[in-house]
Amino acid sequence: QVQLVESGGDLVQPGGSLRLSCAASRITFNIYVMGWYRQAPGKQRELVATITSSRDTNYADSVKGRFTISRDNAKNTVYLQMNSLKPEDTAVYYCNARMRIYDYWGQGTQVTVSS
């Protein structure tokens, strides 16, 4: 059974930084498009960033210049470095692995940005 396990969520002050990690198991990690999504209370889940097997990246406009997605295929792990965090970044962040018809999700990690 495929597993995606997120970690790194925390309470942080505005302007602070966090790095999220997502460790994948039981998939051929290097061929999957990996992504981070988030869902704030009362809102729909939205794309944050994706990275392809060739390391092409895509970001939501709201996080461009502040967040960086990366992957380590040797460790089957995808990361999301989040800098200059804002209160509106508060959400549950979900890891996603996608390849053709295969689409897997982690259980999420909470990020709260508040003073």
N, C-alpha and C. Protein backbone atom coordinates (compact mmCIF):
# COMPACT_ATOMS: atom_id res chain seq x y z
N GLN A 1 0.84 -1.19 0.00
CA GLN A 1 0.00 0.00 0.00
C GLN A 1 0.88 1.25 0.00
N VAL A 2 0.56 2.17 -0.91
CA VAL A 2 1.34 3.41 -1.01
C VAL A 2 1.12 4.26 0.24
N GLN A 3 2.21 4.84 0.71
CA GLN A 3 2.13 5.74 1.86
C GLN A 3 2.85 7.03 1.56
N LEU A 4 2.21 8.13 1.89
CA LEU A 4 2.83 9.45 1.87
C LEU A 4 2.70 10.03 3.27
N VAL A 5 3.83 10.32 3.89
CA VAL A 5 3.80 10.79 5.27
C VAL A 5 4.44 12.17 5.34
N GLU A 6 3.62 13.16 5.68
CA GLU A 6 4.09 14.54 5.79
C GLU A 6 4.60 14.80 7.20
N SER A 7 5.53 15.74 7.29
CA SER A 7 6.02 16.19 8.59
C SER A 7 6.52 17.61 8.44
N GLY A 8 6.71 18.27 9.59
CA GLY A 8 7.29 19.61 9.57
C GLY A 8 6.31 20.73 9.87
N GLY A 9 5.03 20.44 9.91
CA GLY A 9 4.07 21.48 10.23
C GLY A 9 4.24 21.97 11.66
N ASP A 10 3.91 23.24 11.86
CA ASP A 10 4.12 23.82 13.19
C ASP A 10 3.42 25.17 13.27
N LEU A 11 3.48 25.77 14.45
CA LEU A 11 3.03 27.14 14.67
C LEU A 11 4.25 28.05 14.49
N VAL A 12 4.11 29.06 13.65
CA VAL A 12 5.22 29.95 13.37
C VAL A 12 4.70 31.38 13.28
N GLN A 13 5.55 32.33 13.63
CA GLN A 13 5.17 33.74 13.56
C GLN A 13 5.21 34.25 12.13
N PRO A 14 4.43 35.27 11.82
CA PRO A 14 4.52 35.88 10.49
C PRO A 14 5.95 36.29 10.17
N GLY A 15 6.35 36.03 8.94
CA GLY A 15 7.72 36.30 8.52
C GLY A 15 8.66 35.15 8.75
N GLY A 16 8.21 34.13 9.45
CA GLY A 16 9.05 32.98 9.74
C GLY A 16 9.13 31.98 8.60
N SER A 17 9.85 30.90 8.86
CA SER A 17 10.07 29.86 7.85
C SER A 17 9.77 28.48 8.42
N LEU A 18 9.40 27.60 7.53
CA LEU A 18 9.22 26.18 7.86
C LEU A 18 9.63 25.36 6.65
N ARG A 19 10.05 24.13 6.90
CA ARG A 19 10.28 23.18 5.81
C ARG A 19 9.43 21.95 6.05
N LEU A 20 8.56 21.67 5.11
CA LEU A 20 7.75 20.47 5.15
C LEU A 20 8.46 19.35 4.38
N SER A 21 8.26 18.13 4.86
CA SER A 21 8.80 16.95 4.18
C SER A 21 7.68 15.96 3.94
N CYS A 22 7.81 15.20 2.88
CA CYS A 22 6.86 14.14 2.58
C CYS A 22 7.65 12.93 2.12
N ALA A 23 7.60 11.89 2.93
CA ALA A 23 8.31 10.65 2.61
C ALA A 23 7.33 9.67 1.98
N ALA A 24 7.72 9.15 0.82
CA ALA A 24 6.86 8.22 0.09
C ALA A 24 7.41 6.81 0.18
N SER A 25 6.51 5.86 0.22
CA SER A 25 6.93 4.46 0.21
C SER A 25 6.00 3.65 -0.69
N ARG A 26 6.58 2.57 -1.21
CA ARG A 26 5.84 1.63 -2.06
C ARG A 26 5.38 2.23 -3.38
N ILE A 27 6.11 3.21 -3.89
CA ILE A 27 5.91 3.71 -5.25
C ILE A 27 7.27 3.89 -5.91
N THR A 28 7.25 3.90 -7.23
CA THR A 28 8.47 4.22 -7.97
C THR A 28 8.57 5.74 -8.00
N PHE A 29 9.11 6.27 -6.94
CA PHE A 29 9.02 7.70 -6.63
C PHE A 29 9.48 8.58 -7.77
N ASN A 30 10.58 8.20 -8.43
CA ASN A 30 11.21 9.13 -9.36
C ASN A 30 10.38 9.39 -10.62
N ILE A 31 9.34 8.59 -10.87
CA ILE A 31 8.54 8.82 -12.08
C ILE A 31 7.26 9.59 -11.79
N TYR A 32 7.01 9.88 -10.52
CA TYR A 32 5.79 10.57 -10.14
C TYR A 32 5.98 12.09 -10.14
N VAL A 33 4.91 12.79 -10.52
CA VAL A 33 4.83 14.22 -10.26
C VAL A 33 4.42 14.37 -8.79
N MET A 34 5.23 15.10 -8.05
CA MET A 34 4.95 15.30 -6.63
C MET A 34 4.45 16.72 -6.42
N GLY A 35 3.53 16.85 -5.49
CA GLY A 35 2.96 18.17 -5.26
C GLY A 35 2.59 18.41 -3.82
N TRP A 36 2.45 19.68 -3.53
CA TRP A 36 1.93 20.12 -2.24
C TRP A 36 0.65 20.91 -2.50
N TYR A 37 -0.37 20.61 -1.73
CA TYR A 37 -1.64 21.31 -1.76
C TYR A 37 -1.96 21.75 -0.34
N ARG A 38 -2.89 22.67 -0.22
CA ARG A 38 -3.29 23.10 1.12
C ARG A 38 -4.79 23.39 1.17
N GLN A 39 -5.31 23.26 2.37
CA GLN A 39 -6.73 23.53 2.58
C GLN A 39 -6.90 24.29 3.88
N ALA A 40 -7.39 25.50 3.76
CA ALA A 40 -7.69 26.32 4.92
C ALA A 40 -9.13 26.07 5.36
N PRO A 41 -9.45 26.36 6.62
CA PRO A 41 -10.81 26.13 7.11
C PRO A 41 -11.85 26.85 6.25
N GLY A 42 -12.87 26.12 5.83
CA GLY A 42 -13.94 26.70 5.04
C GLY A 42 -13.62 26.95 3.58
N LYS A 43 -12.43 26.51 3.16
CA LYS A 43 -12.03 26.74 1.77
C LYS A 43 -11.73 25.41 1.08
N GLN A 44 -11.69 25.47 -0.26
CA GLN A 44 -11.35 24.28 -1.02
C GLN A 44 -9.85 24.03 -1.01
N ARG A 45 -9.50 22.79 -1.22
CA ARG A 45 -8.09 22.46 -1.34
C ARG A 45 -7.52 23.13 -2.59
N GLU A 46 -6.32 23.69 -2.46
CA GLU A 46 -5.72 24.40 -3.58
C GLU A 46 -4.27 23.97 -3.79
N LEU A 47 -3.85 24.10 -5.04
CA LEU A 47 -2.47 23.79 -5.39
C LEU A 47 -1.52 24.80 -4.76
N VAL A 48 -0.41 24.29 -4.22
CA VAL A 48 0.66 25.15 -3.75
C VAL A 48 1.83 25.08 -4.74
N ALA A 49 2.30 23.87 -5.00
CA ALA A 49 3.45 23.70 -5.90
C ALA A 49 3.54 22.25 -6.36
N THR A 50 4.10 22.06 -7.55
CA THR A 50 4.37 20.72 -8.05
C THR A 50 5.78 20.66 -8.62
N ILE A 51 6.30 19.43 -8.68
CA ILE A 51 7.61 19.20 -9.28
C ILE A 51 7.55 17.89 -10.04
N THR A 52 8.01 17.92 -11.29
CA THR A 52 7.97 16.74 -12.13
C THR A 52 9.19 15.86 -11.90
N SER A 53 9.21 14.73 -12.59
CA SER A 53 10.35 13.83 -12.48
C SER A 53 11.62 14.48 -13.03
N SER A 54 11.47 15.42 -13.94
CA SER A 54 12.65 16.14 -14.48
C SER A 54 12.88 17.45 -13.74
N ARG A 55 12.19 17.60 -12.61
CA ARG A 55 12.38 18.74 -11.71
C ARG A 55 11.86 20.07 -12.27
N ASP A 56 10.95 20.01 -13.22
CA ASP A 56 10.22 21.22 -13.60
C ASP A 56 9.24 21.55 -12.48
N THR A 57 9.16 22.83 -12.14
CA THR A 57 8.32 23.23 -11.01
C THR A 57 7.22 24.19 -11.45
N ASN A 58 6.17 24.20 -10.65
CA ASN A 58 5.04 25.08 -10.88
C ASN A 58 4.54 25.54 -9.51
N TYR A 59 4.21 26.84 -9.42
CA TYR A 59 3.80 27.41 -8.13
C TYR A 59 2.49 28.20 -8.28
N ALA A 60 1.72 28.20 -7.22
CA ALA A 60 0.59 29.11 -7.14
C ALA A 60 1.13 30.53 -7.07
N ASP A 61 0.41 31.46 -7.66
CA ASP A 61 0.87 32.86 -7.66
C ASP A 61 1.07 33.37 -6.24
N SER A 62 0.25 32.90 -5.32
CA SER A 62 0.29 33.42 -3.96
C SER A 62 1.56 33.03 -3.21
N VAL A 63 2.30 32.05 -3.70
CA VAL A 63 3.50 31.59 -2.99
C VAL A 63 4.78 31.80 -3.79
N LYS A 64 4.66 32.26 -5.02
CA LYS A 64 5.85 32.46 -5.85
C LYS A 64 6.82 33.42 -5.18
N GLY A 65 8.09 33.04 -5.19
CA GLY A 65 9.11 33.87 -4.57
C GLY A 65 9.28 33.64 -3.08
N ARG A 66 8.35 32.91 -2.48
CA ARG A 66 8.45 32.64 -1.04
C ARG A 66 8.64 31.15 -0.74
N PHE A 67 8.03 30.30 -1.55
CA PHE A 67 8.09 28.85 -1.32
C PHE A 67 8.95 28.19 -2.41
N THR A 68 9.62 27.12 -2.02
CA THR A 68 10.42 26.34 -2.97
C THR A 68 10.15 24.86 -2.78
N ILE A 69 9.77 24.19 -3.85
CA ILE A 69 9.57 22.75 -3.81
C ILE A 69 10.82 22.07 -4.37
N SER A 70 11.18 20.95 -3.77
CA SER A 70 12.33 20.19 -4.24
C SER A 70 12.09 18.71 -3.94
N ARG A 71 12.90 17.87 -4.57
CA ARG A 71 12.75 16.44 -4.34
C ARG A 71 14.11 15.78 -4.26
N ASP A 72 14.17 14.70 -3.47
CA ASP A 72 15.36 13.88 -3.36
C ASP A 72 14.93 12.47 -3.71
N ASN A 73 15.21 12.06 -4.93
CA ASN A 73 14.75 10.75 -5.39
C ASN A 73 15.44 9.60 -4.65
N ALA A 74 16.65 9.84 -4.17
CA ALA A 74 17.35 8.79 -3.42
C ALA A 74 16.67 8.52 -2.08
N LYS A 75 15.99 9.54 -1.55
CA LYS A 75 15.32 9.39 -0.25
C LYS A 75 13.80 9.26 -0.39
N ASN A 76 13.31 9.24 -1.64
CA ASN A 76 11.86 9.18 -1.87
C ASN A 76 11.13 10.26 -1.10
N THR A 77 11.67 11.46 -1.13
CA THR A 77 11.13 12.54 -0.31
C THR A 77 11.00 13.82 -1.14
N VAL A 78 9.90 14.52 -0.90
CA VAL A 78 9.70 15.82 -1.50
C VAL A 78 9.60 16.85 -0.36
N TYR A 79 10.11 18.03 -0.62
CA TYR A 79 10.18 19.08 0.40
C TYR A 79 9.44 20.33 -0.06
N LEU A 80 9.02 21.11 0.91
CA LEU A 80 8.49 22.43 0.62
C LEU A 80 9.11 23.40 1.61
N GLN A 81 10.02 24.23 1.12
CA GLN A 81 10.62 25.27 1.94
C GLN A 81 9.73 26.49 1.86
N MET A 82 9.26 26.95 3.01
CA MET A 82 8.33 28.07 3.07
C MET A 82 8.98 29.20 3.84
N ASN A 83 9.19 30.32 3.18
CA ASN A 83 9.78 31.50 3.79
C ASN A 83 8.78 32.66 3.78
N SER A 84 9.08 33.67 4.58
CA SER A 84 8.22 34.86 4.65
C SER A 84 6.75 34.48 4.82
N LEU A 85 6.49 33.61 5.76
CA LEU A 85 5.13 33.09 5.94
C LEU A 85 4.19 34.18 6.39
N LYS A 86 2.94 34.05 5.91
CA LYS A 86 1.90 35.01 6.21
C LYS A 86 0.74 34.30 6.90
N PRO A 87 -0.08 35.02 7.64
CA PRO A 87 -1.23 34.37 8.28
C PRO A 87 -2.13 33.65 7.28
N GLU A 88 -2.22 34.16 6.08
CA GLU A 88 -3.06 33.50 5.06
C GLU A 88 -2.47 32.19 4.54
N ASP A 89 -1.26 31.86 4.95
CA ASP A 89 -0.68 30.56 4.61
C ASP A 89 -1.15 29.47 5.57
N THR A 90 -1.86 29.86 6.60
CA THR A 90 -2.37 28.89 7.57
C THR A 90 -3.31 27.90 6.89
N ALA A 91 -3.00 26.62 7.04
CA ALA A 91 -3.79 25.58 6.38
C ALA A 91 -3.23 24.21 6.76
N VAL A 92 -3.97 23.19 6.39
CA VAL A 92 -3.41 21.84 6.40
C VAL A 92 -2.75 21.62 5.04
N TYR A 93 -1.51 21.20 5.05
CA TYR A 93 -0.75 20.99 3.83
C TYR A 93 -0.68 19.50 3.53
N TYR A 94 -1.04 19.16 2.29
CA TYR A 94 -1.10 17.78 1.87
C TYR A 94 -0.07 17.49 0.77
N CYS A 95 0.54 16.35 0.87
CA CYS A 95 1.44 15.86 -0.15
C CYS A 95 0.65 15.01 -1.15
N ASN A 96 1.02 15.12 -2.43
CA ASN A 96 0.34 14.39 -3.49
C ASN A 96 1.36 13.76 -4.43
N ALA A 97 1.07 12.54 -4.85
CA ALA A 97 1.89 11.85 -5.86
C ALA A 97 0.97 11.45 -7.00
N ARG A 98 1.34 11.84 -8.23
CA ARG A 98 0.45 11.61 -9.36
C ARG A 98 1.24 11.11 -10.57
N MET A 99 0.71 10.08 -11.22
CA MET A 99 1.30 9.56 -12.44
C MET A 99 0.22 8.81 -13.19
N ARG A 100 -0.20 9.38 -14.33
CA ARG A 100 -1.28 8.82 -15.16
C ARG A 100 -2.52 8.66 -14.30
N ILE A 101 -3.02 7.44 -14.16
CA ILE A 101 -4.27 7.25 -13.41
C ILE A 101 -4.04 7.13 -11.91
N TYR A 102 -2.78 7.10 -11.50
CA TYR A 102 -2.46 6.91 -10.09
C TYR A 102 -2.35 8.26 -9.39
N ASP A 103 -3.04 8.35 -8.26
CA ASP A 103 -3.16 9.63 -7.55
C ASP A 103 -3.26 9.34 -6.07
N TYR A 104 -2.20 9.71 -5.33
CA TYR A 104 -2.14 9.37 -3.91
C TYR A 104 -1.99 10.64 -3.08
N TRP A 105 -2.54 10.56 -1.84
CA TRP A 105 -2.50 11.70 -0.94
C TRP A 105 -2.00 11.28 0.43
N GLY A 106 -1.31 12.20 1.07
CA GLY A 106 -0.96 12.01 2.47
C GLY A 106 -2.09 12.49 3.36
N GLN A 107 -1.87 12.38 4.65
CA GLN A 107 -2.92 12.74 5.61
C GLN A 107 -2.85 14.21 6.02
N GLY A 108 -1.80 14.89 5.68
CA GLY A 108 -1.71 16.31 5.94
C GLY A 108 -0.93 16.67 7.18
N THR A 109 -0.40 17.89 7.17
CA THR A 109 0.30 18.44 8.32
C THR A 109 -0.14 19.89 8.50
N GLN A 110 -0.40 20.28 9.73
CA GLN A 110 -0.95 21.60 10.01
C GLN A 110 0.15 22.65 10.07
N VAL A 111 -0.08 23.73 9.34
CA VAL A 111 0.79 24.91 9.41
C VAL A 111 -0.06 26.07 9.89
N THR A 112 0.36 26.69 10.97
CA THR A 112 -0.35 27.84 11.52
C THR A 112 0.61 29.01 11.62
N VAL A 113 0.23 30.11 11.00
CA VAL A 113 1.05 31.32 11.02
C VAL A 113 0.31 32.37 11.83
N SER A 114 0.85 32.66 12.99
CA SER A 114 0.16 33.57 13.90
C SER A 114 1.14 34.14 14.91
N SER A 115 0.86 35.37 15.32
CA SER A 115 1.69 35.98 16.36
C SER A 115 1.06 35.76 17.73
